[in-house]
C-alpha atoms as a PDB file:
ATOM      1  CA  MET A   1      79.746 -32.408  11.058  1.00  0.00           C
ATOM      2  CA  ALA A   2      79.875 -30.715   7.658  1.00  0.00           C
ATOM      3  CA  ARG A   3      79.670 -27.284   9.274  1.00  0.00           C
ATOM      4  CA  SER A   4      82.598 -27.984  11.560  1.00  0.00           C
ATOM      5  CA  ARG A   5      84.975 -28.942   8.726  1.00  0.00           C
ATOM      6  CA  PRO A   6      85.757 -25.331   7.697  1.00  0.00           C
ATOM      7  CA  LEU A   7      86.185 -24.403  11.351  1.00  0.00           C
ATOM      8  CA  ARG A   8      88.597 -27.284  11.813  1.00  0.00           C
ATOM      9  CA  ARG A   9      90.625 -26.019   8.856  1.00  0.00           C
ATOM     10  CA  LEU A  10      90.605 -22.505  10.292  1.00  0.00           C
ATOM     11  CA  LEU A  11      91.690 -23.876  13.655  1.00  0.00           C
ATOM     12  CA  ARG A  12      94.577 -25.739  12.012  1.00  0.00           C
ATOM     13  CA  VAL A  13      95.687 -22.549  10.212  1.00  0.00           C
ATOM     14  CA  LEU A  14      95.521 -20.625  13.486  1.00  0.00           C
ATOM     15  CA  GLU A  15      97.597 -23.323  15.198  1.00  0.00           C
ATOM     16  CA  ILE A  16     100.234 -23.107  12.446  1.00  0.00           C
ATOM     17  CA  GLU A  17     100.337 -19.317  12.730  1.00  0.00           C
ATOM     18  CA  GLU A  18     100.700 -19.579  16.494  1.00  0.00           C
ATOM     19  CA  GLU A  19     103.558 -22.063  16.094  1.00  0.00           C
ATOM     20  CA  GLN A  20     105.290 -19.694  13.648  1.00  0.00           C
ATOM     21  CA  ARG A  21     104.946 -16.785  16.084  1.00  0.00           C
ATOM     22  CA  GLN A  22     106.314 -19.016  18.845  1.00  0.00           C
ATOM     23  CA  LEU A  23     109.353 -19.907  16.731  1.00  0.00           C
ATOM     24  CA  GLU A  24     109.913 -16.252  15.801  1.00  0.00           C
ATOM     25  CA  LEU A  25     109.708 -15.284  19.468  1.00  0.00           C
ATOM     26  CA  GLU A  26     112.153 -18.000  20.485  1.00  0.00           C
ATOM     27  CA  ALA A  27     114.594 -16.866  17.771  1.00  0.00           C
ATOM     28  CA  ALA A  28     114.289 -13.213  18.851  1.00  0.00           C
ATOM     29  CA  VAL A  29     114.782 -14.136  22.520  1.00  0.00           C
ATOM     30  CA  GLY A  30     117.835 -16.213  21.546  1.00  0.00           C
ATOM     31  CA  GLU A  31     119.285 -13.275  19.605  1.00  0.00           C
ATOM     32  CA  LEU A  32     118.591 -10.917  22.512  1.00  0.00           C
ATOM     33  CA  ARG A  33     120.332 -13.300  24.940  1.00  0.00           C
ATOM     34  CA  ARG A  34     123.309 -13.521  22.579  1.00  0.00           C
ATOM     35  CA  LEU A  35     123.552  -9.718  22.402  1.00  0.00           C
ATOM     36  CA  GLU A  36     123.235  -9.439  26.178  1.00  0.00           C
ATOM     37  CA  GLY A  37     125.991 -12.038  26.536  1.00  0.00           C
ATOM     38  CA  ALA A  38     128.193 -10.018  24.161  1.00  0.00           C
ATOM     39  CA  LEU A  39     127.494  -6.886  26.228  1.00  0.00           C
ATOM     40  CA  ALA A  40     128.435  -8.735  29.399  1.00  0.00           C
ATOM     41  CA  ALA A  41     131.638  -9.933  27.669  1.00  0.00           C
ATOM     42  CA  ALA A  42     132.399  -6.328  26.648  1.00  0.00           C
ATOM     43  CA  ALA A  43     131.910  -5.192  30.239  1.00  0.00           C
ATOM     44  CA  GLU A  44     134.246  -7.965  31.400  1.00  0.00           C
ATOM     45  CA  ARG A  45     136.771  -6.928  28.742  1.00  0.00           C
ATOM     46  CA  ASP A  46     136.549  -3.329  30.002  1.00  0.00           C
ATOM     47  CA  ARG A  47     137.186  -4.503  33.579  1.00  0.00           C
ATOM     48  CA  GLY A  48     140.171  -6.530  32.377  1.00  0.00           C
ATOM     49  CA  GLY A  49     141.574  -3.502  30.511  1.00  0.00           C
ATOM     50  CA  ARG A  50     141.207  -1.273  33.577  1.00  0.00           C
ATOM     51  CA  LEU A  51     142.857  -3.890  35.732  1.00  0.00           C
ATOM     52  CA  LEU A  52     145.725  -4.085  33.258  1.00  0.00           C
ATOM     53  CA  VAL A  53     146.094  -0.280  33.341  1.00  0.00           C
ATOM     54  CA  SER A  54     146.166  -0.245  37.152  1.00  0.00           C
ATOM     55  CA  LEU A  55     148.699  -3.102  37.283  1.00  0.00           C
ATOM     56  CA  SER A  56     150.898  -1.391  34.696  1.00  0.00           C
ATOM     57  CA  ALA A  57     150.814   1.809  36.740  1.00  0.00           C
ATOM     58  CA  ARG A  58     152.434  -0.108  39.624  1.00  0.00           C
ATOM     59  CA  SER A  59     154.864  -2.065  37.477  1.00  0.00           C
ATOM     60  CA  GLY A  60     155.727   0.794  35.106  1.00  0.00           C
ATOM     61  CA  GLU A  61     155.156  -1.262  31.929  1.00  0.00           C
ATOM     62  CA  ALA A  62     154.016   1.126  29.168  1.00  0.00           C
ATOM     63  CA  THR A  63     152.952  -1.652  26.804  1.00  0.00           C
ATOM     64  CA  ASP A  64     150.594  -3.106  29.431  1.00  0.00           C
ATOM     65  CA  ARG A  65     149.158   0.334  30.023  1.00  0.00           C
ATOM     66  CA  LEU A  66     148.559   0.864  26.277  1.00  0.00           C
ATOM     67  CA  ALA A  67     147.090  -2.640  25.921  1.00  0.00           C
ATOM     68  CA  GLY A  68     144.782  -1.983  28.871  1.00  0.00           C
ATOM     69  CA  LEU A  69     143.659   1.323  27.400  1.00  0.00           C
ATOM     70  CA  GLU A  70     143.005  -0.345  24.019  1.00  0.00           C
ATOM     71  CA  GLU A  71     141.012  -3.104  25.717  1.00  0.00           C
ATOM     72  CA  SER A  72     138.868  -0.521  27.526  1.00  0.00           C
ATOM     73  CA  LEU A  73     138.308   1.483  24.328  1.00  0.00           C
ATOM     74  CA  ALA A  74     137.390  -1.650  22.340  1.00  0.00           C
ATOM     75  CA  ALA A  75     134.981  -2.703  25.084  1.00  0.00           C
ATOM     76  CA  ALA A  76     133.391   0.760  25.075  1.00  0.00           C
ATOM     77  CA  ARG A  77     133.007   0.640  21.276  1.00  0.00           C
ATOM     78  CA  SER A  78     131.407  -2.810  21.530  1.00  0.00           C
ATOM     79  CA  ALA A  79     129.059  -1.653  24.284  1.00  0.00           C
ATOM     80  CA  GLY A  80     128.133   1.440  22.256  1.00  0.00           C
ATOM     81  CA  PHE A  81     127.399  -0.758  19.257  1.00  0.00           C
ATOM     82  CA  LEU A  82     125.468  -3.388  21.259  1.00  0.00           C
ATOM     83  CA  ALA A  83     123.270  -1.084  23.394  1.00  0.00           C
ATOM     84  CA  PRO A  84     120.981   0.118  20.550  1.00  0.00           C
ATOM     85  CA  ARG A  85     120.761  -3.389  19.114  1.00  0.00           C
ATOM     86  CA  ILE A  86     119.746  -4.726  22.529  1.00  0.00           C
ATOM     87  CA  ALA A  87     117.097  -1.994  22.880  1.00  0.00           C
ATOM     88  CA  PHE A  88     115.733  -2.853  19.434  1.00  0.00           C
ATOM     89  CA  GLY A  89     115.823  -6.572  20.308  1.00  0.00           C
ATOM     90  CA  GLN A  90     113.827  -5.952  23.488  1.00  0.00           C
ATOM     91  CA  GLN A  91     111.199  -4.038  21.511  1.00  0.00           C
ATOM     92  CA  GLU A  92     111.088  -6.821  18.940  1.00  0.00           C
ATOM     93  CA  VAL A  93     110.654  -9.486  21.635  1.00  0.00           C
ATOM     94  CA  SER A  94     107.870  -7.445  23.222  1.00  0.00           C
ATOM     95  CA  ARG A  95     106.101  -7.055  19.855  1.00  0.00           C
ATOM     96  CA  LEU A  96     106.435 -10.762  19.076  1.00  0.00           C
ATOM     97  CA  ARG A  97     105.070 -11.699  22.506  1.00  0.00           C
ATOM     98  CA  GLU A  98     102.009  -9.545  21.877  1.00  0.00           C
ATOM     99  CA  GLU A  99     101.498 -11.115  18.453  1.00  0.00           C
ATOM    100  CA  LEU A 100     101.854 -14.587  19.921  1.00  0.00           C
ATOM    101  CA  LEU A 101      99.334 -13.763  22.621  1.00  0.00           C
ATOM    102  CA  ALA A 102      96.885 -12.419  20.012  1.00  0.00           C
ATOM    103  CA  LYS A 103      97.272 -15.574  17.901  1.00  0.00           C
ATOM    104  CA  ARG A 104      96.797 -17.771  20.970  1.00  0.00           C
ATOM    105  CA  VAL A 105      93.622 -15.900  21.966  1.00  0.00           C
ATOM    106  CA  GLY A 106      92.276 -16.195  18.409  1.00  0.00           C
ATOM    107  CA  ARG A 107      92.998 -19.926  18.336  1.00  0.00           C
ATOM    108  CA  ARG A 108      91.329 -20.479  21.696  1.00  0.00           C
ATOM    109  CA  GLN A 109      88.266 -18.545  20.574  1.00  0.00           C
ATOM    110  CA  ALA A 110      88.055 -20.706  17.451  1.00  0.00           C
ATOM    111  CA  GLU A 111      88.418 -23.833  19.610  1.00  0.00           C
ATOM    112  CA  HIS A 112      85.593 -22.627  21.839  1.00  0.00           C
ATOM    113  CA  VAL A 113      83.315 -21.949  18.857  1.00  0.00           C
ATOM    114  CA  LEU A 114      84.191 -25.342  17.355  1.00  0.00           C
ATOM    115  CA  ARG A 115      83.465 -27.175  20.613  1.00  0.00           C
ATOM    116  CA  GLY A 116      80.110 -25.371  20.890  1.00  0.00           C
ATOM    117  CA  LEU A 117      79.211 -26.248  17.315  1.00  0.00           C
ATOM    118  CA  GLU A 118      80.180 -29.888  17.765  1.00  0.00           C
ATOM    119  CA  ALA A 119      78.194 -30.097  21.012  1.00  0.00           C
ATOM    120  CA  ARG A 120      75.150 -28.584  19.299  1.00  0.00           C
ATOM    121  CA  GLN A 121      75.506 -31.018  16.399  1.00  0.00           C
ATOM    122  CA  ALA A 122      75.789 -33.931  18.832  1.00  0.00           C
ATOM    123  CA  ARG A 123      72.619 -32.796  20.620  1.00  0.00           C
ATOM    124  CA  GLN A 124      70.812 -32.507  17.277  1.00  0.00           C
ATOM    125  CA  THR A 125      71.968 -35.980  16.294  1.00  0.00           C
ATOM    126  CA  VAL A 126      70.674 -37.424  19.567  1.00  0.00           C
ATOM    127  CA  ARG A 127      67.414 -35.496  19.182  1.00  0.00           C
ATOM    128  CA  ARG A 128      66.931 -36.772  15.607  1.00  0.00           C
ATOM    129  CA  GLY A 129      67.655 -40.316  16.741  1.00  0.00           C
ATOM    130  CA  GLN A 130      65.102 -40.017  19.530  1.00  0.00           C
ATOM    131  CA  GLN A 131      62.526 -38.565  17.124  1.00  0.00           C
ATOM    132  CA  ALA A 132      63.093 -41.468  14.747  1.00  0.00           C
ATOM    133  CA  LEU A 133      62.610 -43.923  17.608  1.00  0.00           C
ATOM    134  CA  ASP A 134      59.445 -42.120  18.734  1.00  0.00           C
ATOM    135  CA  GLU A 135      58.034 -42.049  15.215  1.00  0.00           C
ATOM    136  CA  GLY A 136      58.868 -45.708  14.720  1.00  0.00           C
ATOM    137  CA  HIS A 137      57.174 -46.647  17.980  1.00  0.00           C
ATOM    138  CA  LEU A 138      54.089 -44.553  17.176  1.00  0.00           C
ATOM    139  CA  SER A 139      53.920 -46.074  13.703  1.00  0.00           C
ATOM    140  CA  GLN A 140      54.173 -49.561  15.162  1.00  0.00           C
ATOM    141  CA  MET A 141      51.361 -48.810  17.629  1.00  0.00           C
ATOM    142  CA  ARG A 142      49.119 -47.562  14.814  1.00  0.00           C
ATOM    143  CA  ARG A 143      49.847 -50.639  12.717  1.00  0.00           C
ATOM    144  CA  ASP A 144      49.024 -52.894  15.667  1.00  0.00           C
ATOM    145  CA  GLU A 145      45.734 -51.088  16.287  1.00  0.00           C
ATOM    146  CA  ALA A 146      44.861 -51.219  12.605  1.00  0.00           C
ATOM    147  CA  LYS A 147      45.395 -54.981  12.673  1.00  0.00           C
ATOM    148  CA  LYS A 148      42.958 -55.299  15.562  1.00  0.00           C
ATOM    149  CA  GLY A 149      40.371 -53.364  13.575  1.00  0.00           C
ATOM    150  CA  ARG A 150      40.295 -50.379  15.854  1.00  0.00           C
ATOM    151  CA  GLU A 151      41.136 -46.788  15.304  1.00  0.00           C
ATOM    152  CA  THR A 152      42.226 -44.489  18.054  1.00  0.00           C
ATOM    153  CA  PRO A 153      39.858 -41.480  18.174  1.00  0.00           C
ATOM    154  CA  ARG A 154      41.587 -38.124  18.354  1.00  0.00           C
ATOM    155  CA  ASP A 155      39.358 -36.778  21.144  1.00  0.00           C
ATOM    156  CA  GLY A 156      40.904 -39.035  23.786  1.00  0.00           C
ATOM    157  CA  THR A 157      37.974 -41.476  24.124  1.00  0.00           C
ATOM    158  CA  LYS A 158      38.394 -45.190  24.181  1.00  0.00           C
ATOM    159  CA  PRO A 159      37.146 -47.254  21.257  1.00  0.00           C
ATOM    160  CA  GLY A 160      33.404 -47.744  21.527  1.00  0.00           C
ATOM    161  CA  GLU A 161      32.843 -44.613  23.695  1.00  0.00           C
ATOM    162  CA  ALA A 162      31.620 -41.160  22.790  1.00  0.00           C
ATOM    163  CA  ARG A 163      31.918 -37.908  24.657  1.00  0.00           C
ATOM    164  CA  CYS A 164      28.612 -36.450  25.840  1.00  0.00           C
ATOM    165  CA  ALA A 165      27.815 -32.732  25.940  1.00  0.00           C
ATOM    166  CA  GLU A 166      28.576 -32.597  29.680  1.00  0.00           C
ATOM    167  CA  GLY A 167      31.960 -34.199  29.108  1.00  0.00           C
ATOM    168  CA  GLU A 168      30.934 -37.617  30.459  1.00  0.00           C
ATOM    169  CA  TYR A 169      31.468 -40.811  28.582  1.00  0.00           C
ATOM    170  CA  SER A 170      28.562 -42.928  27.424  1.00  0.00           C
ATOM    171  CA  ARG A 171      28.647 -46.389  25.933  1.00  0.00           C
ATOM    172  CA  ARG A 172      27.255 -46.898  22.499  1.00  0.00           C
ATOM    173  CA  ASN A 173      26.352 -50.140  20.990  1.00  0.00           C
ATOM    174  CA  LEU A 174      28.142 -51.272  17.899  1.00  0.00           C
ATOM    175  CA  SER A 175      25.462 -49.855  15.573  1.00  0.00           C
ATOM    176  CA  GLY A 176      26.240 -46.337  16.757  1.00  0.00           C
ATOM    177  CA  ARG A 177      22.884 -45.792  18.550  1.00  0.00           C
ATOM    178  CA  SER A 178      22.497 -45.192  22.241  1.00  0.00           C
ATOM    179  CA  PRO A 179      21.741 -48.295  24.240  1.00  0.00           C
ATOM    180  CA  GLN A 180      18.145 -48.951  25.222  1.00  0.00           C
ATOM    181  CA  VAL A 181      17.130 -47.275  28.441  1.00  0.00           C
ATOM    182  CA  PRO A 182      15.889 -49.873  30.949  1.00  0.00           C
ATOM    183  CA  GLN A 183      12.176 -49.973  31.749  1.00  0.00           C
ATOM    184  CA  TRP A 184      12.460 -48.657  35.296  1.00  0.00           C
ATOM    185  CA  GLU A 185      14.378 -45.570  34.045  1.00  0.00           C
ATOM    186  CA  ARG A 186      11.671 -44.800  31.479  1.00  0.00           C
ATOM    187  CA  GLN A 187       9.013 -44.640  34.164  1.00  0.00           C
ATOM    188  CA  SER A 188      10.987 -42.202  36.263  1.00  0.00           C
ATOM    189  CA  GLN A 189      11.544 -39.958  33.242  1.00  0.00           C
ATOM    190  CA  SER A 190       7.811 -39.569  32.531  1.00  0.00           C
END
């Protein structure tokens, strides 16, 4: 698990960076919505000014006509001021979305690498545990055989047997010499 500690720290840093990008994006989207709302209010103000001008044309009120014209001009100035800011805000939101996506992809890649590393470490831990069990069992078997006074030959024969040249097993007596051939076999050999 020592190898995964730096990756965990890196993953935490990437998560913090992603959260910061998310907050920046939310703030930029909020600002863009506010500007769009102000533009919509300016358009509504322009409509109100035009309506006032048209009503004053019927009623003959000059002050209403001038007020309507001023409202329309103020709305046009506001719209002229807001349009470039909205365009810049849209570009900013687009840039922040791309940055957020890049941070999210980087974090997910780090998560994937970390999960792979942890899985590999878990497999190695299980493998080491199994090797320790196997070695312990083999050691116990050797101790048990040593207590019985036998050694396990490495050539696969059983204790007290030897492998012949043809690959067959032959019994040997305890002194290490071949057993005596019975009398009837000696006659057939001559």
